[in-house]
Amino acid sequence: MKSIALVTNRKGPLSEFLRDNLNEVLVGKVEINNYYLYEMKDGDIINDTVILVMIDEKAYEIQKYASKESTIIVIERTLREKEIYKIAAIPNDTEVLVVNDTKETTIETVNLLRRIGIKHLKFIPYLDDKVYENVKVAITPGEKDKVPNFVETIIDVGHRCIDIATFLKIFNCLDIHDKDIEENLIKYSESIISKDIGIKKQYFDLFVKGQQLEVLIEHIQDAIVITDNEGKIVLANSTYNNLFNYKMGSYLSFNEKK
Protein backbone atom coordinates (compact mmCIF):
# COMPACT_ATOMS: atom_id res chain seq x y z
CA MET A 1 0.00 0.00 0.00
CA LYS A 2 1.19 3.53 -0.80
CA SER A 3 2.09 5.52 2.30
CA ILE A 4 2.31 9.05 3.66
CA ALA A 5 4.34 10.26 6.63
CA LEU A 6 2.58 12.99 8.61
CA VAL A 7 5.13 14.89 10.70
CA THR A 8 4.12 17.16 13.59
CA ASN A 9 6.06 18.41 16.60
CA ARG A 10 4.22 16.13 19.02
CA LYS A 11 1.24 13.83 19.33
CA GLY A 12 -1.95 15.74 20.02
CA PRO A 13 -5.23 17.09 18.61
CA LEU A 14 -3.53 18.62 15.54
CA SER A 15 -1.83 15.38 14.46
CA GLU A 16 -5.12 13.48 14.85
CA PHE A 17 -7.08 16.19 13.03
CA LEU A 18 -4.72 16.16 10.03
CA ARG A 19 -4.77 12.37 9.90
CA ASP A 20 -8.59 12.41 9.81
CA ASN A 21 -8.42 15.21 7.25
CA LEU A 22 -6.28 13.06 4.92
CA ASN A 23 -8.55 10.04 5.38
CA GLU A 24 -11.57 12.17 4.51
CA VAL A 25 -10.29 12.11 0.92
CA LEU A 26 -8.05 9.02 0.82
CA VAL A 27 -10.58 6.78 2.66
CA GLY A 28 -8.00 4.34 4.01
CA LYS A 29 -6.60 3.51 0.58
CA VAL A 30 -3.27 5.13 1.45
CA GLU A 31 -1.41 4.25 4.65
CA ILE A 32 -0.80 7.26 6.90
CA ASN A 33 1.99 7.08 9.47
CA ASN A 34 2.39 9.69 12.20
CA TYR A 35 5.86 10.88 13.23
CA TYR A 36 6.67 13.35 16.00
CA LEU A 37 9.79 15.51 15.75
CA TYR A 38 10.31 15.66 19.51
CA GLU A 39 10.48 11.84 19.61
CA MET A 40 12.83 11.29 16.66
CA LYS A 41 16.45 10.29 17.25
CA ASP A 42 19.62 10.41 15.17
CA GLY A 43 19.61 7.54 12.72
CA ASP A 44 15.81 7.32 12.43
CA ILE A 45 14.68 7.08 8.79
CA ILE A 46 11.28 7.83 7.27
CA ASN A 47 10.72 5.60 4.24
CA ASP A 48 7.26 6.76 3.20
CA THR A 49 6.92 8.00 -0.39
CA VAL A 50 5.48 11.36 0.71
CA ILE A 51 6.45 13.24 3.88
CA LEU A 52 4.07 16.01 4.97
CA VAL A 53 5.29 18.83 7.23
CA MET A 54 3.61 21.97 8.54
CA ILE A 55 6.00 24.80 7.60
CA ASP A 56 9.14 25.38 5.49
CA GLU A 57 11.35 25.39 8.58
CA LYS A 58 10.22 21.84 9.43
CA ALA A 59 10.87 20.71 5.85
CA TYR A 60 14.52 21.63 6.31
CA GLU A 61 14.63 19.98 9.74
CA ILE A 62 13.11 16.69 8.53
CA GLN A 63 15.54 16.24 5.63
CA LYS A 64 18.05 14.34 7.78
CA TYR A 65 15.38 11.72 8.55
CA ALA A 66 13.97 11.37 5.02
CA SER A 67 14.97 8.50 2.73
CA LYS A 68 16.37 9.39 -0.69
CA GLU A 69 13.17 8.13 -2.34
CA SER A 70 10.86 10.32 -0.23
CA THR A 71 9.34 13.62 -1.37
CA ILE A 72 8.81 16.31 1.28
CA ILE A 73 5.68 18.44 0.87
CA VAL A 74 4.85 21.48 3.01
CA ILE A 75 1.11 21.35 3.71
CA GLU A 76 -0.90 24.35 2.59
CA ARG A 77 -3.89 24.83 4.84
CA THR A 78 -7.15 26.72 4.63
CA LEU A 79 -10.51 27.02 6.40
CA ARG A 80 -13.85 25.28 6.11
CA GLU A 81 -16.37 27.42 4.28
CA LYS A 82 -18.87 27.24 7.16
CA GLU A 83 -16.37 28.85 9.55
CA ILE A 84 -16.06 32.01 7.44
CA TYR A 85 -19.58 33.15 8.37
CA LYS A 86 -18.47 33.65 11.97
CA ILE A 87 -15.78 36.08 10.79
CA ALA A 88 -18.01 37.84 8.26
CA ALA A 89 -20.36 38.88 11.07
CA ILE A 90 -17.67 41.00 12.79
CA PRO A 91 -18.29 44.75 12.16
CA ASN A 92 -16.11 46.55 9.60
CA ASP A 93 -12.74 47.94 10.72
CA THR A 94 -12.76 46.00 13.99
CA GLU A 95 -9.29 45.30 15.37
CA VAL A 96 -8.99 41.53 15.69
CA LEU A 97 -6.22 39.61 17.41
CA VAL A 98 -5.11 36.50 15.50
CA VAL A 99 -3.81 33.79 17.84
CA ASN A 100 -2.05 30.54 16.91
CA ASP A 101 0.50 28.25 18.54
CA THR A 102 3.71 29.87 17.18
CA LYS A 103 4.80 33.15 15.62
CA GLU A 104 5.18 31.45 12.23
CA THR A 105 1.72 29.86 12.22
CA THR A 106 0.16 33.09 13.51
CA ILE A 107 1.58 35.09 10.59
CA GLU A 108 0.55 32.25 8.28
CA THR A 109 -3.04 32.47 9.57
CA VAL A 110 -3.16 36.25 9.10
CA ASN A 111 -1.94 35.85 5.52
CA LEU A 112 -4.52 33.13 4.89
CA LEU A 113 -7.39 35.30 6.13
CA ARG A 114 -6.31 38.10 3.83
CA ARG A 115 -5.67 35.78 0.90
CA ILE A 116 -9.14 34.24 0.98
CA GLY A 117 -10.69 37.70 0.82
CA ILE A 118 -11.46 38.81 4.38
CA LYS A 119 -10.58 42.48 4.06
CA HIS A 120 -13.07 44.29 6.30
CA LEU A 121 -11.09 43.69 9.52
CA LYS A 122 -7.80 44.93 10.96
CA PHE A 123 -5.85 41.78 11.79
CA ILE A 124 -3.22 41.97 14.53
CA PRO A 125 -0.87 38.97 14.95
CA TYR A 126 -0.61 38.03 18.62
CA LEU A 127 3.04 38.00 19.64
CA ASP A 128 4.05 37.33 23.26
CA ASP A 129 6.24 40.41 23.64
CA LYS A 130 3.50 42.93 22.85
CA VAL A 131 0.45 44.25 24.70
CA TYR A 132 -2.96 44.43 23.02
CA GLU A 133 -5.33 45.05 25.94
CA ASN A 134 -7.55 47.38 23.88
CA VAL A 135 -8.38 44.55 21.46
CA LYS A 136 -11.54 42.73 22.52
CA VAL A 137 -12.01 40.21 19.68
CA ALA A 138 -9.75 37.31 18.73
CA ILE A 139 -9.74 34.70 15.96
CA THR A 140 -7.95 31.41 16.53
CA PRO A 141 -7.68 28.15 14.55
CA GLY A 142 -8.22 25.70 17.39
CA GLU A 143 -5.89 27.35 19.94
CA LYS A 144 -8.39 28.92 22.37
CA ASP A 145 -6.15 28.15 25.36
CA LYS A 146 -3.52 30.54 23.96
CA VAL A 147 -5.88 33.53 23.69
CA PRO A 148 -5.06 36.14 26.39
CA ASN A 149 -7.57 36.70 29.21
CA PHE A 150 -8.38 40.31 28.29
CA VAL A 151 -10.12 39.23 25.06
CA GLU A 152 -13.91 39.32 25.47
CA THR A 153 -14.98 37.53 22.27
CA ILE A 154 -13.16 34.47 20.89
CA ILE A 155 -14.01 33.11 17.46
CA ASP A 156 -12.54 29.64 17.08
CA VAL A 157 -12.59 28.64 13.39
CA GLY A 158 -11.14 25.20 14.13
CA HIS A 159 -7.87 23.70 12.95
CA ARG A 160 -6.97 24.73 9.43
CA CYS A 161 -7.65 21.92 6.97
CA ILE A 162 -5.50 20.76 4.06
CA ASP A 163 -5.89 22.81 0.89
CA ILE A 164 -6.74 21.29 -2.52
CA ALA A 165 -3.30 22.19 -3.91
CA THR A 166 -1.62 19.90 -1.36
CA PHE A 167 -3.91 16.99 -2.21
CA LEU A 168 -3.08 17.41 -5.90
CA LYS A 169 0.65 17.28 -5.08
CA ILE A 170 0.06 14.09 -3.07
CA PHE A 171 -1.90 12.55 -5.94
CA ASN A 172 0.94 13.36 -8.32
CA CYS A 173 3.69 11.94 -6.08
CA LEU A 174 1.75 8.74 -5.32
CA ASP A 175 0.46 8.42 -8.91
CA ILE A 176 -3.11 8.08 -7.64
CA HIS A 177 -5.79 7.22 -10.20
CA ASP A 178 -8.75 6.13 -8.10
CA LYS A 179 -12.32 7.18 -8.90
CA ASP A 180 -13.48 7.03 -5.26
CA ILE A 181 -10.62 9.24 -4.11
CA GLU A 182 -11.17 11.69 -6.95
CA GLU A 183 -14.88 11.93 -6.14
CA ASN A 184 -14.03 12.45 -2.47
CA LEU A 185 -11.74 15.35 -3.40
CA ILE A 186 -14.51 17.01 -5.40
CA LYS A 187 -16.90 16.68 -2.45
CA TYR A 188 -14.21 17.88 -0.04
CA SER A 189 -13.41 20.90 -2.22
CA GLU A 190 -17.01 22.07 -1.87
CA SER A 191 -16.62 22.35 1.92
CA ILE A 192 -13.48 24.51 2.03
CA ILE A 193 -12.24 27.92 0.92
CA SER A 194 -9.48 27.22 -1.57
CA LYS A 195 -6.38 29.38 -1.19
CA ASP A 196 -5.87 29.27 -4.96
CA ILE A 197 -9.03 30.63 -6.52
CA GLY A 198 -9.86 28.61 -9.60
CA ILE A 199 -8.05 25.40 -8.69
CA LYS A 200 -11.29 23.89 -7.35
CA LYS A 201 -13.13 24.60 -10.61
CA GLN A 202 -10.18 23.49 -12.73
CA TYR A 203 -9.99 20.10 -10.99
CA PHE A 204 -13.77 19.69 -11.15
CA ASP A 205 -13.79 20.42 -14.89
CA LEU A 206 -10.99 17.92 -15.52
CA PHE A 207 -12.82 15.28 -13.49
CA VAL A 208 -16.11 15.86 -15.33
CA LYS A 209 -14.38 15.70 -18.71
CA GLY A 210 -12.75 12.43 -17.67
CA GLN A 211 -16.12 11.02 -16.64
CA GLN A 212 -17.68 12.05 -19.96
CA LEU A 213 -14.84 10.50 -21.92
CA GLU A 214 -15.14 7.27 -19.94
CA VAL A 215 -18.86 7.03 -20.76
CA LEU A 216 -18.15 7.73 -24.42
CA ILE A 217 -15.53 5.01 -24.93
CA GLU A 218 -17.67 2.47 -23.03
CA HIS A 219 -20.24 2.75 -25.82
CA ILE A 220 -17.70 1.78 -28.48
CA GLN A 221 -17.57 -1.95 -29.14
CA ASP A 222 -13.92 -1.92 -30.25
CA ALA A 223 -11.14 -2.15 -27.69
CA ILE A 224 -10.13 1.41 -26.79
CA VAL A 225 -7.14 2.42 -24.68
CA ILE A 226 -5.78 5.90 -23.91
CA THR A 227 -2.20 6.41 -22.75
CA ASP A 228 0.03 9.30 -21.80
CA ASN A 229 3.20 10.22 -23.73
CA GLU A 230 5.16 7.46 -21.97
CA GLY A 231 2.68 4.72 -22.83
CA LYS A 232 1.10 4.56 -19.37
CA ILE A 233 -2.59 3.60 -19.52
CA VAL A 234 -4.86 6.33 -18.15
CA LEU A 235 -8.19 5.09 -19.50
CA ALA A 236 -9.56 1.97 -21.23
CA ASN A 237 -12.99 0.54 -21.96
CA SER A 238 -14.32 -2.82 -20.78
CA THR A 239 -13.72 -4.45 -24.18
CA TYR A 240 -10.00 -3.71 -23.88
CA ASN A 241 -10.01 -4.85 -20.26
CA ASN A 242 -11.65 -8.18 -21.17
CA LEU A 243 -9.01 -8.81 -23.83
CA PHE A 244 -5.89 -7.78 -21.94
CA ASN A 245 -6.88 -7.63 -18.23
CA TYR A 246 -5.07 -4.31 -17.79
CA LYS A 247 -4.45 -2.32 -14.59
CA MET A 248 -4.74 1.46 -14.43
CA GLY A 249 -1.27 2.98 -14.49
CA SER A 250 0.35 -0.03 -16.21
CA TYR A 251 2.18 0.34 -19.51
CA LEU A 252 1.36 -1.04 -22.92
CA SER A 253 3.49 -4.06 -23.79
CA PHE A 254 5.60 -4.04 -26.95
CA ASN A 255 3.10 -6.25 -28.79
CA GLU A 256 0.17 -4.07 -27.83
CA LYS A 257 1.95 -0.94 -29.05
CA LYS A 258 2.39 -2.61 -32.42
Foldseek 3Di string as FASTA:
>chain_A
DAEEEEEDQDDDDVSVVQVVLVCLQCVPVYHYHYDHNVPDDQPAADAHQEYEDADPVVQVVCVNRYDPNHDYDHFDFFFWPVLVVVVVPDAFAAEEEEDEDDQVVQVSVVVRCVLLPPDRYHYDYDDPVDDDLVHQEYEYAPPVVRDDPSHPYYRHRHHTHTALVRVVVVCVSRVDDDPSSLVSSLVVNVGTRHSDPPPSVVSVVVNVVVVVVQVVQQPDQDWDFDDDPVQFTQHTYVNVCVVPVDDHRDGDDPVRVD
